[in-house]
């Protein structure tokens, strides 16, 4: 049986062997259930994704202004 210590902030580290077996990674969600005199930790189901998937991917690039004219990239600049 694996044991873990509780920190002063109430945090517990799940042993590496268990994380690997359950496929837990940074950002994985778990559910804590109190069953009589003990606690069960279960892997939480994945969050539901909207039908469009909008906002699912994150970019490291800066956001483009809302009033940016994409067509301006196609128009050749005129020298006057």
C-alpha atoms as a PDB file:
ATOM      1  CA  UNK A   1       0.000   0.000   0.000  1.00  0.00           C
ATOM      2  CA  UNK A   2       1.250   3.478  -0.873  1.00  0.00           C
ATOM      3  CA  UNK A   3       1.103   6.213   1.746  1.00  0.00           C
ATOM      4  CA  UNK A   4       1.457   9.982   1.428  1.00  0.00           C
ATOM      5  CA  UNK A   5       1.829  12.915   3.810  1.00  0.00           C
ATOM      6  CA  UNK A   6      -0.538  15.873   3.937  1.00  0.00           C
ATOM      7  CA  UNK A   7       1.182  19.270   3.732  1.00  0.00           C
ATOM      8  CA  UNK A   8       0.289  22.319   5.830  1.00  0.00           C
ATOM      9  CA  UNK A   9      -1.817  23.489   2.856  1.00  0.00           C
ATOM     10  CA  UNK A  10      -3.801  20.234   2.782  1.00  0.00           C
ATOM     11  CA  UNK A  11      -2.073  18.934  -0.340  1.00  0.00           C
ATOM     12  CA  UNK A  12      -1.195  15.301  -0.993  1.00  0.00           C
ATOM     13  CA  UNK A  13       1.251  13.998  -3.590  1.00  0.00           C
ATOM     14  CA  UNK A  14      -0.020  10.970  -5.480  1.00  0.00           C
ATOM     15  CA  UNK A  15       2.903   8.533  -5.877  1.00  0.00           C
ATOM     16  CA  UNK A  16       4.424   8.366  -9.372  1.00  0.00           C
ATOM     17  CA  UNK A  17       3.585   4.674  -9.828  1.00  0.00           C
ATOM     18  CA  UNK A  18      -0.124   5.396  -9.288  1.00  0.00           C
ATOM     19  CA  UNK A  19      -0.101   8.513 -11.515  1.00  0.00           C
ATOM     20  CA  UNK A  20       1.470   6.522 -14.349  1.00  0.00           C
ATOM     21  CA  UNK A  21      -0.917   3.602 -13.949  1.00  0.00           C
ATOM     22  CA  UNK A  22      -3.968   5.895 -14.079  1.00  0.00           C
ATOM     23  CA  UNK A  23      -2.567   8.202 -16.769  1.00  0.00           C
ATOM     24  CA  UNK A  24      -2.617  11.267 -14.519  1.00  0.00           C
ATOM     25  CA  UNK A  25      -0.618  14.252 -15.742  1.00  0.00           C
ATOM     26  CA  UNK A  26      -0.259  17.903 -14.788  1.00  0.00           C
ATOM     27  CA  UNK A  27      -3.732  19.416 -14.989  1.00  0.00           C
ATOM     28  CA  UNK A  28      -5.570  16.084 -14.686  1.00  0.00           C
ATOM     29  CA  UNK A  29      -8.682  16.288 -12.538  1.00  0.00           C
ATOM     30  CA  UNK A  30      -9.639  13.837  -9.818  1.00  0.00           C
ATOM     31  CA  UNK A  31     -12.752  13.398  -7.681  1.00  0.00           C
ATOM     32  CA  UNK A  32     -12.590  12.858  -3.921  1.00  0.00           C
ATOM     33  CA  UNK A  33     -15.363  10.781  -2.385  1.00  0.00           C
ATOM     34  CA  UNK A  34     -15.867  10.147   1.339  1.00  0.00           C
ATOM     35  CA  UNK A  35     -16.994   6.536   1.797  1.00  0.00           C
ATOM     36  CA  UNK A  36     -17.786   5.714   5.431  1.00  0.00           C
ATOM     37  CA  UNK A  37     -14.383   6.055   7.158  1.00  0.00           C
ATOM     38  CA  UNK A  38     -12.090   6.524   4.142  1.00  0.00           C
ATOM     39  CA  UNK A  39     -11.580   8.691   1.063  1.00  0.00           C
ATOM     40  CA  UNK A  40     -11.578   7.398  -2.514  1.00  0.00           C
ATOM     41  CA  UNK A  41      -9.816   9.286  -5.277  1.00  0.00           C
ATOM     42  CA  UNK A  42     -11.154   8.716  -8.781  1.00  0.00           C
ATOM     43  CA  UNK A  43     -10.060  10.068 -12.124  1.00  0.00           C
ATOM     44  CA  UNK A  44     -12.647  12.693 -13.094  1.00  0.00           C
ATOM     45  CA  UNK A  45     -14.295  12.386 -16.497  1.00  0.00           C
ATOM     46  CA  UNK A  46     -12.978  14.856 -19.075  1.00  0.00           C
ATOM     47  CA  UNK A  47     -14.671  18.246 -19.174  1.00  0.00           C
ATOM     48  CA  UNK A  48     -17.354  18.584 -21.796  1.00  0.00           C
ATOM     49  CA  UNK A  49     -16.280  20.394 -24.946  1.00  0.00           C
ATOM     50  CA  UNK A  50     -18.678  22.714 -26.686  1.00  0.00           C
ATOM     51  CA  UNK A  51     -20.015  21.560 -30.039  1.00  0.00           C
ATOM     52  CA  UNK A  52     -17.884  24.105 -31.888  1.00  0.00           C
ATOM     53  CA  UNK A  53     -14.678  23.495 -29.983  1.00  0.00           C
ATOM     54  CA  UNK A  54     -14.187  27.277 -29.822  1.00  0.00           C
ATOM     55  CA  UNK A  55     -11.555  28.200 -27.257  1.00  0.00           C
ATOM     56  CA  UNK A  56     -10.279  24.648 -26.967  1.00  0.00           C
ATOM     57  CA  UNK A  57      -6.784  25.476 -28.240  1.00  0.00           C
ATOM     58  CA  UNK A  58      -4.543  28.023 -26.599  1.00  0.00           C
ATOM     59  CA  UNK A  59      -1.973  30.037 -28.533  1.00  0.00           C
ATOM     60  CA  UNK A  60       1.290  31.527 -27.339  1.00  0.00           C
ATOM     61  CA  UNK A  61       0.923  34.347 -29.861  1.00  0.00           C
ATOM     62  CA  UNK A  62      -0.561  37.708 -28.975  1.00  0.00           C
ATOM     63  CA  UNK A  63      -4.219  38.153 -29.844  1.00  0.00           C
ATOM     64  CA  UNK A  64      -5.102  39.913 -33.087  1.00  0.00           C
ATOM     65  CA  UNK A  65      -7.145  43.107 -32.621  1.00  0.00           C
ATOM     66  CA  UNK A  66     -10.854  42.654 -33.335  1.00  0.00           C
ATOM     67  CA  UNK A  67     -10.811  45.423 -35.955  1.00  0.00           C
ATOM     68  CA  UNK A  68      -7.864  43.936 -37.909  1.00  0.00           C
ATOM     69  CA  UNK A  69      -8.568  43.839 -41.658  1.00  0.00           C
ATOM     70  CA  UNK A  70      -7.278  40.538 -43.035  1.00  0.00           C
ATOM     71  CA  UNK A  71      -7.804  41.765 -46.594  1.00  0.00           C
ATOM     72  CA  UNK A  72      -5.140  44.423 -45.991  1.00  0.00           C
ATOM     73  CA  UNK A  73      -2.579  41.636 -46.152  1.00  0.00           C
ATOM     74  CA  UNK A  74      -3.650  40.826 -49.725  1.00  0.00           C
ATOM     75  CA  UNK A  75      -3.777  44.355 -51.126  1.00  0.00           C
ATOM     76  CA  UNK A  76      -0.502  45.601 -52.629  1.00  0.00           C
ATOM     77  CA  UNK A  77       0.579  48.883 -51.148  1.00  0.00           C
ATOM     78  CA  UNK A  78       0.494  51.800 -53.597  1.00  0.00           C
ATOM     79  CA  UNK A  79       3.231  54.351 -53.847  1.00  0.00           C
ATOM     80  CA  UNK A  80       1.781  57.829 -54.342  1.00  0.00           C
END
